[in-house]
């Protein structure tokens, strides 16, 4: 079996879905779409990560902490899809998947459907809504 050589976020995405969404992983792999989807996720995640770092730094956060916060948020928003046990039909529900335009995930469509948001919020004790800017100036 040939291992794909992928950039960081693509590698994280593939690792996550291979464990937590094995059916989706197998379908993407069988149709030859795994690498393209992973690379699209990587481009979008990388762009968001860089924007978040700049936003945190602009709020007065040091670079190391900004990178830590950005990494965590990028993982949450782009990489860590809900498990198949929690949301079995994620791959079959178009509203759950962000729209890909010209090889990039549409940033206006990051939060998916209301059902996915409700599910995420039920799993998350945080008061922060998806894609809400977090004020970290007091940290």
C-alpha atoms as a PDB file:
ATOM      1  CA  UNK A   1       0.000   0.000   0.000  1.00  0.00           C
ATOM      2  CA  UNK A   2       1.407   3.388  -1.019  1.00  0.00           C
ATOM      3  CA  UNK A   3       1.226   6.073   1.638  1.00  0.00           C
ATOM      4  CA  UNK A   4       0.231   9.496   0.367  1.00  0.00           C
ATOM      5  CA  UNK A   5       2.705  12.293   0.927  1.00  0.00           C
ATOM      6  CA  UNK A   6       0.429  15.100   2.065  1.00  0.00           C
ATOM      7  CA  UNK A   7       0.847  18.542   3.653  1.00  0.00           C
ATOM      8  CA  UNK A   8       0.160  18.900   7.392  1.00  0.00           C
ATOM      9  CA  UNK A   9      -3.593  19.679   7.461  1.00  0.00           C
ATOM     10  CA  UNK A  10      -4.342  17.135   4.731  1.00  0.00           C
ATOM     11  CA  UNK A  11      -2.454  14.508   6.732  1.00  0.00           C
ATOM     12  CA  UNK A  12      -4.419  15.427   9.876  1.00  0.00           C
ATOM     13  CA  UNK A  13      -7.701  15.233   7.951  1.00  0.00           C
ATOM     14  CA  UNK A  14      -6.927  11.816   6.472  1.00  0.00           C
ATOM     15  CA  UNK A  15      -5.787  10.504   9.864  1.00  0.00           C
ATOM     16  CA  UNK A  16      -8.980  11.770  11.511  1.00  0.00           C
ATOM     17  CA  UNK A  17     -11.454  10.411   8.977  1.00  0.00           C
ATOM     18  CA  UNK A  18      -9.638   7.071   8.737  1.00  0.00           C
ATOM     19  CA  UNK A  19     -10.362   6.533  12.448  1.00  0.00           C
ATOM     20  CA  UNK A  20     -13.596   8.455  13.091  1.00  0.00           C
ATOM     21  CA  UNK A  21     -15.292   8.215   9.689  1.00  0.00           C
ATOM     22  CA  UNK A  22     -13.984   4.922   8.246  1.00  0.00           C
ATOM     23  CA  UNK A  23     -16.897   4.513   5.815  1.00  0.00           C
ATOM     24  CA  UNK A  24     -16.285   8.005   4.377  1.00  0.00           C
ATOM     25  CA  UNK A  25     -12.538   7.307   4.226  1.00  0.00           C
ATOM     26  CA  UNK A  26     -13.088   4.031   2.347  1.00  0.00           C
ATOM     27  CA  UNK A  27     -15.526   5.664  -0.104  1.00  0.00           C
ATOM     28  CA  UNK A  28     -13.151   8.554  -0.853  1.00  0.00           C
ATOM     29  CA  UNK A  29     -10.264   6.151  -1.285  1.00  0.00           C
ATOM     30  CA  UNK A  30     -12.251   3.755  -3.490  1.00  0.00           C
ATOM     31  CA  UNK A  31     -13.394   6.578  -5.778  1.00  0.00           C
ATOM     32  CA  UNK A  32      -9.908   8.086  -5.996  1.00  0.00           C
ATOM     33  CA  UNK A  33     -11.058  11.324  -4.358  1.00  0.00           C
ATOM     34  CA  UNK A  34      -9.215  11.044  -1.034  1.00  0.00           C
ATOM     35  CA  UNK A  35      -6.127  12.991  -2.063  1.00  0.00           C
ATOM     36  CA  UNK A  36      -8.080  15.768  -3.824  1.00  0.00           C
ATOM     37  CA  UNK A  37     -10.478  16.227  -0.907  1.00  0.00           C
ATOM     38  CA  UNK A  38      -7.600  16.176   1.596  1.00  0.00           C
ATOM     39  CA  UNK A  39      -5.662  18.763  -0.437  1.00  0.00           C
ATOM     40  CA  UNK A  40      -8.740  20.996  -0.647  1.00  0.00           C
ATOM     41  CA  UNK A  41      -9.176  20.753   3.122  1.00  0.00           C
ATOM     42  CA  UNK A  42      -5.471  21.529   3.529  1.00  0.00           C
ATOM     43  CA  UNK A  43      -5.668  24.698   1.393  1.00  0.00           C
ATOM     44  CA  UNK A  44      -8.705  25.979   3.247  1.00  0.00           C
ATOM     45  CA  UNK A  45      -7.374  25.029   6.680  1.00  0.00           C
ATOM     46  CA  UNK A  46      -3.955  26.574   5.948  1.00  0.00           C
ATOM     47  CA  UNK A  47      -5.519  29.842   4.835  1.00  0.00           C
ATOM     48  CA  UNK A  48      -7.787  29.976   7.883  1.00  0.00           C
ATOM     49  CA  UNK A  49      -4.896  29.086  10.211  1.00  0.00           C
ATOM     50  CA  UNK A  50      -2.787  31.968   8.893  1.00  0.00           C
ATOM     51  CA  UNK A  51      -5.708  34.417   9.135  1.00  0.00           C
ATOM     52  CA  UNK A  52      -6.401  33.324  12.714  1.00  0.00           C
ATOM     53  CA  UNK A  53      -2.771  33.768  13.743  1.00  0.00           C
ATOM     54  CA  UNK A  54      -2.773  37.300  12.352  1.00  0.00           C
ATOM     55  CA  UNK A  55      -6.065  38.061  14.095  1.00  0.00           C
ATOM     56  CA  UNK A  56      -4.779  36.814  17.451  1.00  0.00           C
ATOM     57  CA  UNK A  57      -1.510  38.728  17.085  1.00  0.00           C
ATOM     58  CA  UNK A  58      -3.494  41.879  16.221  1.00  0.00           C
ATOM     59  CA  UNK A  59      -5.323  41.364  19.535  1.00  0.00           C
ATOM     60  CA  UNK A  60      -1.986  41.458  21.338  1.00  0.00           C
ATOM     61  CA  UNK A  61      -1.395  37.716  21.731  1.00  0.00           C
ATOM     62  CA  UNK A  62       2.192  36.520  21.375  1.00  0.00           C
ATOM     63  CA  UNK A  63       2.993  34.439  18.295  1.00  0.00           C
ATOM     64  CA  UNK A  64       3.417  31.111  20.096  1.00  0.00           C
ATOM     65  CA  UNK A  65       0.058  31.409  21.853  1.00  0.00           C
ATOM     66  CA  UNK A  66      -1.594  32.664  18.650  1.00  0.00           C
ATOM     67  CA  UNK A  67      -0.320  29.564  16.831  1.00  0.00           C
ATOM     68  CA  UNK A  68      -1.638  27.319  19.607  1.00  0.00           C
ATOM     69  CA  UNK A  69      -5.107  28.915  19.497  1.00  0.00           C
ATOM     70  CA  UNK A  70      -5.166  28.880  15.690  1.00  0.00           C
ATOM     71  CA  UNK A  71      -4.140  25.213  15.611  1.00  0.00           C
ATOM     72  CA  UNK A  72      -6.938  24.273  17.996  1.00  0.00           C
ATOM     73  CA  UNK A  73      -9.582  26.238  16.078  1.00  0.00           C
ATOM     74  CA  UNK A  74      -8.397  24.937  12.703  1.00  0.00           C
ATOM     75  CA  UNK A  75      -8.614  21.362  13.987  1.00  0.00           C
ATOM     76  CA  UNK A  76     -12.127  22.010  15.290  1.00  0.00           C
ATOM     77  CA  UNK A  77     -13.437  23.789  12.198  1.00  0.00           C
ATOM     78  CA  UNK A  78     -11.736  21.882   9.370  1.00  0.00           C
ATOM     79  CA  UNK A  79     -10.329  18.555  10.499  1.00  0.00           C
ATOM     80  CA  UNK A  80     -12.411  16.964  13.274  1.00  0.00           C
ATOM     81  CA  UNK A  81     -15.630  15.914  11.616  1.00  0.00           C
ATOM     82  CA  UNK A  82     -18.195  14.246  13.882  1.00  0.00           C
ATOM     83  CA  UNK A  83     -17.886  10.476  14.128  1.00  0.00           C
ATOM     84  CA  UNK A  84     -20.027   8.193  12.010  1.00  0.00           C
ATOM     85  CA  UNK A  85     -21.686   6.989  15.226  1.00  0.00           C
ATOM     86  CA  UNK A  86     -22.731  10.567  16.060  1.00  0.00           C
ATOM     87  CA  UNK A  87     -23.685  11.700  12.525  1.00  0.00           C
ATOM     88  CA  UNK A  88     -23.912   8.590  10.333  1.00  0.00           C
ATOM     89  CA  UNK A  89     -25.056  10.297   7.129  1.00  0.00           C
ATOM     90  CA  UNK A  90     -22.642  13.227   7.066  1.00  0.00           C
ATOM     91  CA  UNK A  91     -21.315  12.253   3.645  1.00  0.00           C
ATOM     92  CA  UNK A  92     -24.830  11.857   2.253  1.00  0.00           C
ATOM     93  CA  UNK A  93     -26.204  15.163   3.528  1.00  0.00           C
ATOM     94  CA  UNK A  94     -25.129  17.989   1.211  1.00  0.00           C
ATOM     95  CA  UNK A  95     -25.981  20.611   3.864  1.00  0.00           C
ATOM     96  CA  UNK A  96     -23.433  19.072   6.237  1.00  0.00           C
ATOM     97  CA  UNK A  97     -20.530  19.511   3.853  1.00  0.00           C
ATOM     98  CA  UNK A  98     -19.012  22.904   3.115  1.00  0.00           C
ATOM     99  CA  UNK A  99     -19.235  23.997  -0.490  1.00  0.00           C
ATOM    100  CA  UNK A 100     -16.003  23.706  -2.448  1.00  0.00           C
ATOM    101  CA  UNK A 101     -15.518  26.496  -5.004  1.00  0.00           C
ATOM    102  CA  UNK A 102     -12.455  26.475  -7.273  1.00  0.00           C
ATOM    103  CA  UNK A 103     -10.703  23.949  -5.042  1.00  0.00           C
ATOM    104  CA  UNK A 104     -11.297  25.982  -1.856  1.00  0.00           C
ATOM    105  CA  UNK A 105     -13.875  25.516   0.863  1.00  0.00           C
ATOM    106  CA  UNK A 106     -16.188  28.533   0.808  1.00  0.00           C
ATOM    107  CA  UNK A 107     -15.413  30.403   4.067  1.00  0.00           C
ATOM    108  CA  UNK A 108     -19.038  31.538   4.264  1.00  0.00           C
ATOM    109  CA  UNK A 109     -20.103  27.897   4.382  1.00  0.00           C
ATOM    110  CA  UNK A 110     -17.824  26.624   7.153  1.00  0.00           C
ATOM    111  CA  UNK A 111     -20.455  26.000   9.762  1.00  0.00           C
ATOM    112  CA  UNK A 112     -22.547  23.622   7.629  1.00  0.00           C
ATOM    113  CA  UNK A 113     -26.194  23.049   8.416  1.00  0.00           C
ATOM    114  CA  UNK A 114     -28.165  24.024  11.470  1.00  0.00           C
ATOM    115  CA  UNK A 115     -28.398  20.333  12.410  1.00  0.00           C
ATOM    116  CA  UNK A 116     -24.614  19.960  12.451  1.00  0.00           C
ATOM    117  CA  UNK A 117     -24.278  23.165  14.485  1.00  0.00           C
ATOM    118  CA  UNK A 118     -26.845  21.910  16.976  1.00  0.00           C
ATOM    119  CA  UNK A 119     -25.024  18.592  17.186  1.00  0.00           C
ATOM    120  CA  UNK A 120     -21.638  20.283  17.655  1.00  0.00           C
ATOM    121  CA  UNK A 121     -23.019  22.587  20.333  1.00  0.00           C
ATOM    122  CA  UNK A 122     -24.562  19.652  22.177  1.00  0.00           C
ATOM    123  CA  UNK A 123     -21.116  18.004  22.316  1.00  0.00           C
ATOM    124  CA  UNK A 124     -19.290  21.187  23.239  1.00  0.00           C
ATOM    125  CA  UNK A 125     -19.583  22.862  26.633  1.00  0.00           C
ATOM    126  CA  UNK A 126     -18.222  26.116  25.213  1.00  0.00           C
ATOM    127  CA  UNK A 127     -20.354  29.222  24.763  1.00  0.00           C
ATOM    128  CA  UNK A 128     -18.430  29.999  21.566  1.00  0.00           C
ATOM    129  CA  UNK A 129     -20.398  29.574  18.357  1.00  0.00           C
ATOM    130  CA  UNK A 130     -18.644  28.050  15.313  1.00  0.00           C
ATOM    131  CA  UNK A 131     -16.639  30.672  13.422  1.00  0.00           C
ATOM    132  CA  UNK A 132     -17.133  33.216  16.214  1.00  0.00           C
ATOM    133  CA  UNK A 133     -14.008  35.279  16.845  1.00  0.00           C
ATOM    134  CA  UNK A 134     -12.673  34.582  20.310  1.00  0.00           C
ATOM    135  CA  UNK A 135     -11.444  37.498  22.389  1.00  0.00           C
ATOM    136  CA  UNK A 136      -8.237  36.247  23.957  1.00  0.00           C
ATOM    137  CA  UNK A 137      -6.965  39.582  25.221  1.00  0.00           C
ATOM    138  CA  UNK A 138      -7.427  38.538  28.851  1.00  0.00           C
ATOM    139  CA  UNK A 139      -5.290  35.397  28.547  1.00  0.00           C
END
